[in-house]
Amino acid sequence: MTVRQRVRCFFALAAFAAACGGGGSGSNGTPSGPTINPPPIIPQTVVMIGAGDIGDCSTLADAGIHARDTARMMDTTTADAIFTAGDNAYPLGSSDDFKCYENAWGRFKSKTFPVPGNHEYYQPGALPYFQYFGARAGEGGFRTGYYSFNLGNWHIVALNSPLQASGGIDQIMWLKDDLQSNNAKCTLAIWHYPVFTSGPSNGSPETSVFASGCTLTSKLPEARFMLAPFLRTT
């Protein structure tokens, strides 16, 4: 994302609360033999709330006021899970910057599902981000930063949009396998670079949404096809 203005726009706060019938984390195959009187599917209502561009305690910004304000907002909301949409600790994603995040949003860490932004990668390998979130940044491998999980009847994919070079190709292949292997009726994807935004960056080009900075021209059409359900409504 572009460098923010000195007086930055208040970041967007997003949430969903939806009942999704069907799907789940069960087998993808068809059971052998006939199924007689299958049990009814019980819709589950879940709430997930979060934001991006969260903590900034620098004197040139807001000294952490917005991070503390949004944390107080979440204190008043009963959420099953919390997500972060990247650029979690401004301005440089350093260990000191994550202290600002910790002082505001740290109390939600046990139910937070994060993704990194480009500011996390101002540090080599986004190391402070992965050190801070640990296994919550993805159990599939240290420093990959992409993973998936189930919340109620939803399958949720957390993507590492700033991931570079060969790691981006690995992520696309992982995404393809993940989407093919889950049979949830409702799927949600979270990543840092927005398709649309009311902020000064005016959104990201389509090729930057999933692979900004990557040389993935041979794989981008496939990635766009897989992500199309998340980019538009039908």
C-alpha atoms as a PDB file:
ATOM      1  CA  MET A   1       0.000   0.000   0.000  1.00  0.00           C
ATOM      2  CA  THR A   2       1.065   3.570  -0.421  1.00  0.00           C
ATOM      3  CA  VAL A   3       2.487   5.573   2.452  1.00  0.00           C
ATOM      4  CA  ARG A   4      -0.348   6.966   4.476  1.00  0.00           C
ATOM      5  CA  GLN A   5      -1.043  10.609   4.870  1.00  0.00           C
ATOM      6  CA  ARG A   6      -0.011  12.171   8.149  1.00  0.00           C
ATOM      7  CA  VAL A   7      -3.606  12.313   9.234  1.00  0.00           C
ATOM      8  CA  ARG A   8      -4.600   8.854   8.148  1.00  0.00           C
ATOM      9  CA  CYS A   9      -8.084   7.722   7.401  1.00  0.00           C
ATOM     10  CA  PHE A  10      -9.654   5.578  10.053  1.00  0.00           C
ATOM     11  CA  PHE A  11      -9.304   1.993   8.891  1.00  0.00           C
ATOM     12  CA  ALA A  12     -12.295  -0.041   7.838  1.00  0.00           C
ATOM     13  CA  LEU A  13     -13.814  -2.385  10.353  1.00  0.00           C
ATOM     14  CA  ALA A  14     -15.428  -5.447   8.826  1.00  0.00           C
ATOM     15  CA  ALA A  15     -17.655  -8.130  10.267  1.00  0.00           C
ATOM     16  CA  PHE A  16     -19.992 -10.852   9.187  1.00  0.00           C
ATOM     17  CA  ALA A  17     -22.688 -12.748  11.015  1.00  0.00           C
ATOM     18  CA  ALA A  18     -24.266 -15.403   8.834  1.00  0.00           C
ATOM     19  CA  ALA A  19     -25.958 -18.759   9.028  1.00  0.00           C
ATOM     20  CA  CYS A  20     -24.624 -21.152   6.440  1.00  0.00           C
ATOM     21  CA  GLY A  21     -26.314 -24.495   6.002  1.00  0.00           C
ATOM     22  CA  GLY A  22     -24.525 -27.444   4.504  1.00  0.00           C
ATOM     23  CA  GLY A  23     -20.912 -28.299   3.975  1.00  0.00           C
ATOM     24  CA  GLY A  24     -18.460 -28.536   6.795  1.00  0.00           C
ATOM     25  CA  SER A  25     -15.217 -30.324   7.442  1.00  0.00           C
ATOM     26  CA  GLY A  26     -16.442 -33.852   6.812  1.00  0.00           C
ATOM     27  CA  SER A  27     -15.463 -36.258   4.052  1.00  0.00           C
ATOM     28  CA  ASN A  28     -15.476 -35.037   0.471  1.00  0.00           C
ATOM     29  CA  GLY A  29     -16.476 -38.428  -0.887  1.00  0.00           C
ATOM     30  CA  THR A  30     -19.862 -40.102  -1.148  1.00  0.00           C
ATOM     31  CA  PRO A  31     -20.480 -42.779   1.531  1.00  0.00           C
ATOM     32  CA  SER A  32     -20.712 -46.299   0.183  1.00  0.00           C
ATOM     33  CA  GLY A  33     -24.253 -47.658   0.037  1.00  0.00           C
ATOM     34  CA  PRO A  34     -27.515 -45.727   0.339  1.00  0.00           C
ATOM     35  CA  THR A  35     -28.031 -43.063   2.947  1.00  0.00           C
ATOM     36  CA  ILE A  36     -31.360 -43.441   4.701  1.00  0.00           C
ATOM     37  CA  ASN A  37     -32.906 -40.552   6.608  1.00  0.00           C
ATOM     38  CA  PRO A  38     -29.726 -38.467   6.865  1.00  0.00           C
ATOM     39  CA  PRO A  39     -29.549 -36.211   9.920  1.00  0.00           C
ATOM     40  CA  PRO A  40     -30.724 -32.637   9.323  1.00  0.00           C
ATOM     41  CA  ILE A  41     -28.119 -29.957   8.722  1.00  0.00           C
ATOM     42  CA  ILE A  42     -28.211 -27.390  11.492  1.00  0.00           C
ATOM     43  CA  PRO A  43     -27.184 -23.889  10.362  1.00  0.00           C
ATOM     44  CA  GLN A  44     -24.684 -22.170  12.610  1.00  0.00           C
ATOM     45  CA  THR A  45     -24.499 -18.444  13.111  1.00  0.00           C
ATOM     46  CA  VAL A  46     -20.976 -17.142  13.617  1.00  0.00           C
ATOM     47  CA  VAL A  47     -19.495 -13.690  14.021  1.00  0.00           C
ATOM     48  CA  MET A  48     -16.024 -12.710  12.832  1.00  0.00           C
ATOM     49  CA  ILE A  49     -14.804  -9.137  13.144  1.00  0.00           C
ATOM     50  CA  GLY A  50     -11.539  -7.398  12.442  1.00  0.00           C
ATOM     51  CA  ALA A  51      -9.570  -4.772  10.567  1.00  0.00           C
ATOM     52  CA  GLY A  52      -6.265  -3.944   8.918  1.00  0.00           C
ATOM     53  CA  ASP A  53      -3.759  -1.104   9.408  1.00  0.00           C
ATOM     54  CA  ILE A  54      -4.135  -1.472  13.146  1.00  0.00           C
ATOM     55  CA  GLY A  55      -1.369  -0.311  15.475  1.00  0.00           C
ATOM     56  CA  ASP A  56       0.643   2.876  15.016  1.00  0.00           C
ATOM     57  CA  CYS A  57       2.105   4.477  18.111  1.00  0.00           C
ATOM     58  CA  SER A  58       4.379   6.905  16.285  1.00  0.00           C
ATOM     59  CA  THR A  59       4.005  10.589  17.092  1.00  0.00           C
ATOM     60  CA  LEU A  60       3.542  11.311  13.378  1.00  0.00           C
ATOM     61  CA  ALA A  61       0.389   9.202  13.387  1.00  0.00           C
ATOM     62  CA  ASP A  62      -2.155   8.855  16.174  1.00  0.00           C
ATOM     63  CA  ALA A  63       0.050   7.525  19.002  1.00  0.00           C
ATOM     64  CA  GLY A  64      -2.035   4.324  19.091  1.00  0.00           C
ATOM     65  CA  ILE A  65      -5.392   6.014  19.671  1.00  0.00           C
ATOM     66  CA  HIS A  66      -7.198   4.291  16.797  1.00  0.00           C
ATOM     67  CA  ALA A  67      -5.910   0.865  17.806  1.00  0.00           C
ATOM     68  CA  ARG A  68      -7.177   1.352  21.348  1.00  0.00           C
ATOM     69  CA  ASP A  69     -10.507   2.755  20.132  1.00  0.00           C
ATOM     70  CA  THR A  70     -11.194  -0.202  17.847  1.00  0.00           C
ATOM     71  CA  ALA A  71     -10.165  -2.618  20.587  1.00  0.00           C
ATOM     72  CA  ARG A  72     -12.782  -1.055  22.857  1.00  0.00           C
ATOM     73  CA  MET A  73     -15.335  -1.453  20.064  1.00  0.00           C
ATOM     74  CA  MET A  74     -14.569  -5.164  19.913  1.00  0.00           C
ATOM     75  CA  ASP A  75     -14.921  -5.437  23.672  1.00  0.00           C
ATOM     76  CA  THR A  76     -18.603  -4.625  23.184  1.00  0.00           C
ATOM     77  CA  THR A  77     -19.088  -7.239  20.443  1.00  0.00           C
ATOM     78  CA  THR A  78     -19.473 -10.957  21.025  1.00  0.00           C
ATOM     79  CA  ALA A  79     -17.246 -12.372  18.308  1.00  0.00           C
ATOM     80  CA  ASP A  80     -16.363 -16.000  17.719  1.00  0.00           C
ATOM     81  CA  ALA A  81     -13.165 -14.988  15.940  1.00  0.00           C
ATOM     82  CA  ILE A  82     -11.131 -11.909  15.052  1.00  0.00           C
ATOM     83  CA  PHE A  83      -9.124 -11.375  11.887  1.00  0.00           C
ATOM     84  CA  THR A  84      -6.394  -8.927  10.987  1.00  0.00           C
ATOM     85  CA  ALA A  85      -6.006  -7.869   7.373  1.00  0.00           C
ATOM     86  CA  GLY A  86      -2.326  -6.956   7.423  1.00  0.00           C
ATOM     87  CA  ASP A  87      -0.163  -3.937   8.214  1.00  0.00           C
ATOM     88  CA  ASN A  88      -0.888  -4.859  11.792  1.00  0.00           C
ATOM     89  CA  ALA A  89       2.015  -2.886  13.288  1.00  0.00           C
ATOM     90  CA  TYR A  90       3.115   0.395  11.740  1.00  0.00           C
ATOM     91  CA  PRO A  91       5.323   1.803  10.520  1.00  0.00           C
ATOM     92  CA  LEU A  92       7.927  -0.933  10.025  1.00  0.00           C
ATOM     93  CA  GLY A  93       6.465  -4.147  11.426  1.00  0.00           C
ATOM     94  CA  SER A  94       9.281  -4.292  13.980  1.00  0.00           C
ATOM     95  CA  SER A  95       9.224  -5.930  17.389  1.00  0.00           C
ATOM     96  CA  ASP A  96       8.800  -2.503  18.964  1.00  0.00           C
ATOM     97  CA  ASP A  97       5.904  -1.748  16.593  1.00  0.00           C
ATOM     98  CA  PHE A  98       4.189  -4.953  17.669  1.00  0.00           C
ATOM     99  CA  LYS A  99       4.277  -3.688  21.254  1.00  0.00           C
ATOM    100  CA  CYS A 100       1.810  -1.030  20.088  1.00  0.00           C
ATOM    101  CA  TYR A 101      -0.410  -3.755  18.630  1.00  0.00           C
ATOM    102  CA  GLU A 102      -0.080  -5.867  21.770  1.00  0.00           C
ATOM    103  CA  ASN A 103      -1.110  -3.009  24.060  1.00  0.00           C
ATOM    104  CA  ALA A 104      -4.368  -2.575  22.131  1.00  0.00           C
ATOM    105  CA  TRP A 105      -5.367  -5.836  20.424  1.00  0.00           C
ATOM    106  CA  GLY A 106      -3.182  -8.275  22.317  1.00  0.00           C
ATOM    107  CA  ARG A 107      -6.017  -9.362  24.595  1.00  0.00           C
ATOM    108  CA  PHE A 108      -7.775 -10.934  21.580  1.00  0.00           C
ATOM    109  CA  LYS A 109      -4.746 -12.936  20.463  1.00  0.00           C
ATOM    110  CA  SER A 110      -6.141 -16.339  21.468  1.00  0.00           C
ATOM    111  CA  LYS A 111      -8.951 -16.021  18.916  1.00  0.00           C
ATOM    112  CA  THR A 112      -7.193 -13.904  16.289  1.00  0.00           C
ATOM    113  CA  PHE A 113      -6.540 -15.177  12.764  1.00  0.00           C
ATOM    114  CA  PRO A 114      -3.978 -12.826  11.193  1.00  0.00           C
ATOM    115  CA  VAL A 115      -2.615 -12.215   7.726  1.00  0.00           C
ATOM    116  CA  PRO A 116       0.483 -10.115   7.008  1.00  0.00           C
ATOM    117  CA  GLY A 117       0.674  -6.925   4.961  1.00  0.00           C
ATOM    118  CA  ASN A 118       3.508  -5.294   3.075  1.00  0.00           C
ATOM    119  CA  HIS A 119       4.625  -3.349   6.170  1.00  0.00           C
ATOM    120  CA  GLU A 120       5.327  -6.624   7.987  1.00  0.00           C
ATOM    121  CA  TYR A 121       7.797  -7.379   5.201  1.00  0.00           C
ATOM    122  CA  TYR A 122       9.770  -4.219   5.896  1.00  0.00           C
ATOM    123  CA  GLN A 123      11.493  -6.625   8.283  1.00  0.00           C
ATOM    124  CA  PRO A 124      13.420  -9.521   6.658  1.00  0.00           C
ATOM    125  CA  GLY A 125      11.027 -12.410   6.236  1.00  0.00           C
ATOM    126  CA  ALA A 126       8.435 -10.555   8.333  1.00  0.00           C
ATOM    127  CA  LEU A 127      10.173 -12.177  11.296  1.00  0.00           C
ATOM    128  CA  PRO A 128       8.625 -10.064  14.125  1.00  0.00           C
ATOM    129  CA  TYR A 129       5.140 -10.824  12.738  1.00  0.00           C
ATOM    130  CA  PHE A 130       5.739 -14.569  12.831  1.00  0.00           C
ATOM    131  CA  GLN A 131       7.425 -14.361  16.221  1.00  0.00           C
ATOM    132  CA  TYR A 132       4.484 -12.448  17.658  1.00  0.00           C
ATOM    133  CA  PHE A 133       1.642 -14.576  16.283  1.00  0.00           C
ATOM    134  CA  GLY A 134       3.454 -17.914  16.318  1.00  0.00           C
ATOM    135  CA  ALA A 135       1.259 -20.850  15.277  1.00  0.00           C
ATOM    136  CA  ARG A 136      -1.687 -18.488  14.802  1.00  0.00           C
ATOM    137  CA  ALA A 137       0.047 -17.192  11.657  1.00  0.00           C
ATOM    138  CA  GLY A 138      -0.301 -20.647  10.101  1.00  0.00           C
ATOM    139  CA  GLU A 139       0.500 -24.108  11.306  1.00  0.00           C
ATOM    140  CA  GLY A 140       1.455 -25.321   7.828  1.00  0.00           C
ATOM    141  CA  GLY A 141       4.996 -24.038   8.077  1.00  0.00           C
ATOM    142  CA  PHE A 142       6.963 -21.219   9.646  1.00  0.00           C
ATOM    143  CA  ARG A 143       6.976 -18.005   7.599  1.00  0.00           C
ATOM    144  CA  THR A 144       4.509 -19.141   4.972  1.00  0.00           C
ATOM    145  CA  GLY A 145       1.743 -17.015   6.447  1.00  0.00           C
ATOM    146  CA  TYR A 146      -1.155 -18.712   4.642  1.00  0.00           C
ATOM    147  CA  TYR A 147      -3.541 -21.255   6.105  1.00  0.00           C
ATOM    148  CA  SER A 148      -7.205 -22.149   6.373  1.00  0.00           C
ATOM    149  CA  PHE A 149      -9.614 -22.961   9.153  1.00  0.00           C
ATOM    150  CA  ASN A 150     -13.294 -23.676   9.772  1.00  0.00           C
ATOM    151  CA  LEU A 151     -15.605 -21.414  11.726  1.00  0.00           C
ATOM    152  CA  GLY A 152     -19.093 -22.773  12.168  1.00  0.00           C
ATOM    153  CA  ASN A 153     -20.106 -23.998   8.712  1.00  0.00           C
ATOM    154  CA  TRP A 154     -17.712 -21.556   7.024  1.00  0.00           C
ATOM    155  CA  HIS A 155     -14.367 -22.477   5.505  1.00  0.00           C
ATOM    156  CA  ILE A 156     -12.004 -19.512   5.738  1.00  0.00           C
ATOM    157  CA  VAL A 157      -8.788 -19.079   3.759  1.00  0.00           C
ATOM    158  CA  ALA A 158      -6.138 -16.666   5.062  1.00  0.00           C
ATOM    159  CA  LEU A 159      -3.704 -15.620   2.329  1.00  0.00           C
ATOM    160  CA  ASN A 160      -0.278 -14.004   2.356  1.00  0.00           C
ATOM    161  CA  SER A 161      -0.636 -11.486  -0.482  1.00  0.00           C
ATOM    162  CA  PRO A 162       2.853  -9.902  -0.171  1.00  0.00           C
ATOM    163  CA  LEU A 163       4.574 -13.289  -0.471  1.00  0.00           C
ATOM    164  CA  GLN A 164       7.322 -13.129  -3.061  1.00  0.00           C
ATOM    165  CA  ALA A 165       8.763 -15.269  -5.857  1.00  0.00           C
ATOM    166  CA  SER A 166       8.650 -19.043  -5.414  1.00  0.00           C
ATOM    167  CA  GLY A 167       6.690 -18.748  -2.180  1.00  0.00           C
ATOM    168  CA  GLY A 168       3.854 -17.160  -4.156  1.00  0.00           C
ATOM    169  CA  ILE A 169       3.705 -20.112  -6.549  1.00  0.00           C
ATOM    170  CA  ASP A 170       3.642 -22.535  -3.621  1.00  0.00           C
ATOM    171  CA  GLN A 171       0.772 -20.560  -2.129  1.00  0.00           C
ATOM    172  CA  ILE A 172      -1.266 -20.753  -5.332  1.00  0.00           C
ATOM    173  CA  MET A 173      -0.780 -24.505  -5.493  1.00  0.00           C
ATOM    174  CA  TRP A 174      -1.740 -24.807  -1.825  1.00  0.00           C
ATOM    175  CA  LEU A 175      -4.846 -22.676  -2.408  1.00  0.00           C
ATOM    176  CA  LYS A 176      -5.934 -24.857  -5.296  1.00  0.00           C
ATOM    177  CA  ASP A 177      -5.616 -28.010  -3.189  1.00  0.00           C
ATOM    178  CA  ASP A 178      -7.357 -26.414  -0.216  1.00  0.00           C
ATOM    179  CA  LEU A 179     -10.361 -25.248  -2.234  1.00  0.00           C
ATOM    180  CA  GLN A 180     -10.690 -28.629  -3.912  1.00  0.00           C
ATOM    181  CA  SER A 181     -10.449 -30.588  -0.678  1.00  0.00           C
ATOM    182  CA  ASN A 182     -13.033 -28.719   1.385  1.00  0.00           C
ATOM    183  CA  ASN A 183     -16.749 -29.212   0.826  1.00  0.00           C
ATOM    184  CA  ALA A 184     -18.090 -26.242   2.769  1.00  0.00           C
ATOM    185  CA  LYS A 185     -21.029 -24.468   1.182  1.00  0.00           C
ATOM    186  CA  CYS A 186     -19.710 -21.065   2.298  1.00  0.00           C
ATOM    187  CA  THR A 187     -16.077 -20.012   1.856  1.00  0.00           C
ATOM    188  CA  LEU A 188     -14.431 -16.720   2.779  1.00  0.00           C
ATOM    189  CA  ALA A 189     -10.954 -15.454   1.831  1.00  0.00           C
ATOM    190  CA  ILE A 190      -8.939 -12.829   3.707  1.00  0.00           C
ATOM    191  CA  TRP A 191      -5.833 -11.057   2.410  1.00  0.00           C
ATOM    192  CA  HIS A 192      -4.165  -7.669   2.689  1.00  0.00           C
ATOM    193  CA  TYR A 193      -4.349  -5.913  -0.660  1.00  0.00           C
ATOM    194  CA  PRO A 194      -7.904  -4.632  -1.213  1.00  0.00           C
ATOM    195  CA  VAL A 195      -9.795  -4.827  -4.479  1.00  0.00           C
ATOM    196  CA  PHE A 196     -11.761  -1.743  -3.450  1.00  0.00           C
ATOM    197  CA  THR A 197     -11.091   0.831  -0.745  1.00  0.00           C
ATOM    198  CA  SER A 198     -12.296   4.248   0.338  1.00  0.00           C
ATOM    199  CA  GLY A 199      -8.752   5.168   1.338  1.00  0.00           C
ATOM    200  CA  PRO A 200      -6.113   7.097  -0.622  1.00  0.00           C
ATOM    201  CA  SER A 201      -4.634   3.998  -2.301  1.00  0.00           C
ATOM    202  CA  ASN A 202      -7.752   3.538  -4.484  1.00  0.00           C
ATOM    203  CA  GLY A 203      -7.575  -0.227  -4.327  1.00  0.00           C
ATOM    204  CA  SER A 204      -5.073  -2.561  -5.944  1.00  0.00           C
ATOM    205  CA  PRO A 205      -4.755  -3.712  -9.550  1.00  0.00           C
ATOM    206  CA  GLU A 206      -6.173  -7.180 -10.074  1.00  0.00           C
ATOM    207  CA  THR A 207      -2.707  -8.663 -10.497  1.00  0.00           C
ATOM    208  CA  SER A 208      -1.631  -7.157  -7.165  1.00  0.00           C
ATOM    209  CA  VAL A 209      -4.515  -8.477  -5.101  1.00  0.00           C
ATOM    210  CA  PHE A 210      -2.984 -11.912  -4.685  1.00  0.00           C
ATOM    211  CA  ALA A 211       0.586 -11.658  -5.938  1.00  0.00           C
ATOM    212  CA  SER A 212       1.822  -8.111  -5.605  1.00  0.00           C
ATOM    213  CA  GLY A 213       5.481  -7.891  -6.471  1.00  0.00           C
ATOM    214  CA  CYS A 214       5.603 -11.465  -7.733  1.00  0.00           C
ATOM    215  CA  THR A 215       6.522 -12.658 -11.188  1.00  0.00           C
ATOM    216  CA  LEU A 216       3.646 -15.089 -11.470  1.00  0.00           C
ATOM    217  CA  THR A 217       2.316 -14.230 -14.913  1.00  0.00           C
ATOM    218  CA  SER A 218       1.908 -17.868 -15.857  1.00  0.00           C
ATOM    219  CA  LYS A 219      -0.089 -18.575 -12.710  1.00  0.00           C
ATOM    220  CA  LEU A 220      -2.134 -15.393 -12.313  1.00  0.00           C
ATOM    221  CA  PRO A 221      -5.001 -16.444 -14.619  1.00  0.00           C
ATOM    222  CA  GLU A 222      -5.402 -19.614 -12.587  1.00  0.00           C
ATOM    223  CA  ALA A 223      -5.259 -17.658  -9.329  1.00  0.00           C
ATOM    224  CA  ARG A 224      -7.846 -15.159 -10.546  1.00  0.00           C
ATOM    225  CA  PHE A 225     -10.134 -18.016 -11.594  1.00  0.00           C
ATOM    226  CA  MET A 226      -9.874 -19.650  -8.178  1.00  0.00           C
ATOM    227  CA  LEU A 227     -10.440 -16.388  -6.352  1.00  0.00           C
ATOM    228  CA  ALA A 228     -13.228 -15.117  -8.628  1.00  0.00           C
ATOM    229  CA  PRO A 229     -15.999 -16.218  -6.232  1.00  0.00           C
ATOM    230  CA  PHE A 230     -14.405 -14.005  -3.574  1.00  0.00           C
ATOM    231  CA  LEU A 231     -14.053 -10.955  -5.843  1.00  0.00           C
ATOM    232  CA  ARG A 232     -17.622 -10.690  -7.060  1.00  0.00           C
ATOM    233  CA  THR A 233     -21.128 -11.744  -6.172  1.00  0.00           C
ATOM    234  CA  THR A 234     -23.178 -13.916  -8.490  1.00  0.00           C
END
